[in-house]
N, C-alpha and C. Protein backbone atom coordinates (compact mmCIF):
# COMPACT_ATOMS: atom_id res chain seq x y z
N MET A 1 114.32 92.73 110.66
CA MET A 1 113.42 92.92 111.90
C MET A 1 113.66 91.69 112.78
N VAL A 2 113.60 90.32 112.16
CA VAL A 2 113.64 89.29 112.83
C VAL A 2 115.42 89.13 113.44
N ILE A 3 116.10 89.58 112.64
CA ILE A 3 117.68 89.65 113.03
C ILE A 3 117.65 90.60 114.14
N TRP A 4 116.99 91.53 114.32
CA TRP A 4 116.90 92.50 115.40
C TRP A 4 116.55 91.82 116.67
N ILE A 5 115.23 91.28 116.47
CA ILE A 5 114.43 90.45 117.63
C ILE A 5 115.40 89.35 118.18
N VAL A 6 116.22 88.58 117.53
CA VAL A 6 116.75 87.55 117.69
C VAL A 6 118.06 87.77 118.40
N LEU A 7 118.85 88.94 117.98
CA LEU A 7 120.01 89.50 118.56
C LEU A 7 119.78 89.91 119.91
N ASN A 8 118.68 90.77 119.88
CA ASN A 8 118.11 91.29 121.23
C ASN A 8 117.52 90.20 122.17
N ALA A 9 116.88 89.48 121.75
CA ALA A 9 116.19 88.61 122.70
C ALA A 9 117.38 87.50 123.21
N CYS A 10 118.11 87.15 122.57
CA CYS A 10 119.32 86.15 122.90
C CYS A 10 120.37 86.67 123.79
N GLY A 11 120.46 88.03 123.70
CA GLY A 11 121.34 88.67 124.61
C GLY A 11 122.75 89.18 123.74
N PHE A 12 122.85 89.09 122.66
CA PHE A 12 123.97 89.07 121.89
C PHE A 12 124.19 90.86 121.72
N SER A 13 123.19 91.38 121.77
CA SER A 13 123.12 93.02 121.87
C SER A 13 122.36 93.44 123.03
N LYS A 14 122.44 94.46 123.41
CA LYS A 14 122.00 95.13 124.46
C LYS A 14 121.21 96.60 124.09
N VAL A 15 121.31 96.83 122.99
CA VAL A 15 120.94 97.78 122.25
C VAL A 15 119.37 98.11 122.57
N ASP A 16 118.54 96.98 122.41
CA ASP A 16 117.03 97.11 122.50
C ASP A 16 116.52 95.86 123.15
N VAL A 17 116.61 95.88 124.71
CA VAL A 17 116.29 94.37 125.01
C VAL A 17 114.54 94.21 125.15
N TYR A 18 114.15 93.28 125.48
CA TYR A 18 112.77 92.94 125.42
C TYR A 18 112.05 94.04 126.35
N PRO A 19 111.24 94.51 125.89
CA PRO A 19 110.00 94.89 125.05
C PRO A 19 110.37 95.31 123.74
N PHE A 20 111.66 95.39 123.37
CA PHE A 20 111.88 96.17 122.10
C PHE A 20 111.38 97.48 121.81
N ILE A 21 111.44 98.47 122.61
CA ILE A 21 111.12 99.78 122.58
C ILE A 21 111.46 100.44 121.33
N LEU A 22 112.63 100.41 121.30
CA LEU A 22 113.30 100.92 119.86
C LEU A 22 112.50 100.63 118.56
N LEU A 23 112.34 99.23 118.54
CA LEU A 23 111.84 98.64 117.28
C LEU A 23 110.47 99.02 117.28
N ASN A 24 109.57 99.18 118.49
CA ASN A 24 108.26 99.52 118.40
C ASN A 24 108.38 101.17 117.93
N LEU A 25 108.97 102.00 118.63
CA LEU A 25 109.14 103.24 117.98
C LEU A 25 109.41 103.54 116.55
N ALA A 26 110.54 102.51 115.92
CA ALA A 26 110.48 102.67 114.49
C ALA A 26 109.27 102.21 113.62
N PHE A 27 108.59 101.26 114.17
CA PHE A 27 107.36 100.82 113.44
C PHE A 27 106.32 102.19 113.64
N PHE A 28 106.31 102.92 114.69
CA PHE A 28 105.58 104.09 114.88
C PHE A 28 105.76 104.98 113.94
N LEU A 29 107.00 105.29 113.84
CA LEU A 29 107.49 106.33 112.97
C LEU A 29 107.19 106.02 111.51
N GLN A 30 107.48 104.74 111.00
CA GLN A 30 107.04 104.59 109.95
C GLN A 30 105.51 104.41 109.44
N ALA A 31 104.65 104.13 110.38
CA ALA A 31 103.21 104.04 110.44
C ALA A 31 102.87 105.50 110.02
N VAL A 32 103.26 106.49 110.95
CA VAL A 32 102.93 107.70 110.80
C VAL A 32 103.27 108.45 109.63
N TYR A 33 104.47 108.02 109.00
CA TYR A 33 104.76 108.38 107.66
C TYR A 33 103.94 107.76 106.49
N VAL A 34 103.71 106.58 106.60
CA VAL A 34 103.13 106.27 105.70
C VAL A 34 101.42 106.24 105.51
N THR A 35 100.98 106.55 106.71
CA THR A 35 99.38 106.42 106.78
C THR A 35 98.73 107.50 105.73
N PRO A 36 99.45 108.72 105.91
CA PRO A 36 98.82 109.94 105.09
C PRO A 36 98.86 109.71 103.61
N LEU A 37 100.28 109.09 103.45
CA LEU A 37 100.32 108.64 101.95
C LEU A 37 99.45 107.64 101.40
N ILE A 38 99.10 106.65 102.20
CA ILE A 38 98.03 105.79 101.65
C ILE A 38 96.72 106.35 101.46
N LEU A 39 96.33 107.35 102.56
CA LEU A 39 95.26 107.84 102.48
C LEU A 39 94.73 108.92 101.19
N LEU A 40 96.06 109.55 100.91
CA LEU A 40 96.09 110.25 99.77
C LEU A 40 96.21 109.56 98.45
N ALA A 41 96.54 108.53 98.54
CA ALA A 41 96.56 107.43 97.14
C ALA A 41 95.24 107.18 97.18
N GLN A 42 94.59 106.60 98.09
CA GLN A 42 93.16 106.09 98.11
C GLN A 42 92.18 107.05 97.73
N THR A 43 92.54 108.50 98.10
CA THR A 43 91.54 109.53 97.53
C THR A 43 91.70 109.66 95.96
N ARG A 44 92.77 109.69 95.87
CA ARG A 44 93.22 110.01 94.24
C ARG A 44 92.65 108.72 93.44
N GLN A 45 92.92 107.72 93.98
CA GLN A 45 92.02 106.22 93.00
C GLN A 45 90.46 106.63 93.02
N ALA A 46 90.12 107.02 94.27
CA ALA A 46 88.57 106.83 94.35
C ALA A 46 87.99 108.15 93.11
N ASP A 47 88.81 109.31 93.03
CA ASP A 47 88.50 110.08 92.13
C ASP A 47 88.76 109.53 90.53
N ARG A 48 89.85 109.23 90.48
CA ARG A 48 89.89 108.17 89.25
C ARG A 48 88.90 107.48 88.87
N ASP A 49 88.25 106.62 89.72
CA ASP A 49 87.27 105.84 89.48
C ASP A 49 86.00 106.40 89.21
N LYS A 50 85.78 107.54 89.84
CA LYS A 50 84.60 108.41 89.79
C LYS A 50 84.69 109.01 88.29
N MET A 51 85.72 109.41 87.89
CA MET A 51 85.99 110.03 86.61
C MET A 51 85.55 108.85 85.57
N HIS A 52 86.13 107.77 85.66
CA HIS A 52 86.07 106.50 84.50
C HIS A 52 84.56 106.05 84.69
N ALA A 53 83.72 106.22 85.83
CA ALA A 53 82.29 105.79 85.78
C ALA A 53 81.37 106.79 85.11
N GLU A 54 82.04 108.07 85.26
CA GLU A 54 81.41 109.29 84.48
C GLU A 54 81.33 108.99 83.09
N ALA A 55 82.63 108.81 82.55
CA ALA A 55 82.96 108.75 81.17
C ALA A 55 82.40 107.40 80.73
N ASP A 56 82.40 106.44 81.49
CA ASP A 56 81.80 105.29 80.77
C ASP A 56 80.05 105.48 80.78
N ALA A 57 79.43 106.09 81.73
CA ALA A 57 78.10 106.42 81.65
C ALA A 57 77.69 107.21 80.38
N ARG A 58 78.54 108.22 80.02
CA ARG A 58 78.56 109.30 79.07
C ARG A 58 78.28 108.47 77.45
N HIS A 59 79.57 107.53 77.81
CA HIS A 59 79.71 106.58 76.29
C HIS A 59 78.39 105.67 76.39
N GLN A 60 77.96 105.39 77.12
CA GLN A 60 76.74 104.28 77.18
C GLN A 60 75.66 105.09 76.83
N GLU A 61 75.21 106.34 77.33
CA GLU A 61 74.21 107.22 76.71
C GLU A 61 74.38 107.59 75.30
N ASP A 62 75.75 107.66 74.72
CA ASP A 62 75.97 108.24 73.43
C ASP A 62 75.86 106.98 72.46
N LEU A 63 75.93 105.62 73.07
CA LEU A 63 75.66 104.50 72.30
C LEU A 63 74.24 104.28 72.25
N ILE A 64 73.49 104.57 72.96
CA ILE A 64 71.99 104.35 72.95
C ILE A 64 71.28 105.43 72.02
N VAL A 65 72.06 106.60 72.21
CA VAL A 65 71.30 107.58 71.28
C VAL A 65 71.79 107.28 69.81
N ALA A 66 72.83 106.84 69.61
CA ALA A 66 73.38 106.54 68.26
C ALA A 66 72.66 105.14 67.83
N ILE A 67 72.19 104.36 68.52
CA ILE A 67 71.28 103.05 68.08
C ILE A 67 69.94 103.50 67.67
N LYS A 68 69.33 104.71 68.26
CA LYS A 68 68.03 104.97 68.04
C LYS A 68 68.16 105.54 66.83
């Protein structure tokens, strides 16, 4: 990314001159692709955390019953 900016800002390449429209487009497309994947991963992690919390609560209840 830095090489892309330096080459185009210094005038060595005229592919994507300042304001770097193609570079912004690449970042936008990457964000569009990655955002749903991140949201899915967060949802799955939240589900896993909920299941672990429920299992822990059941285990704690079983321990309390076993102690009495």
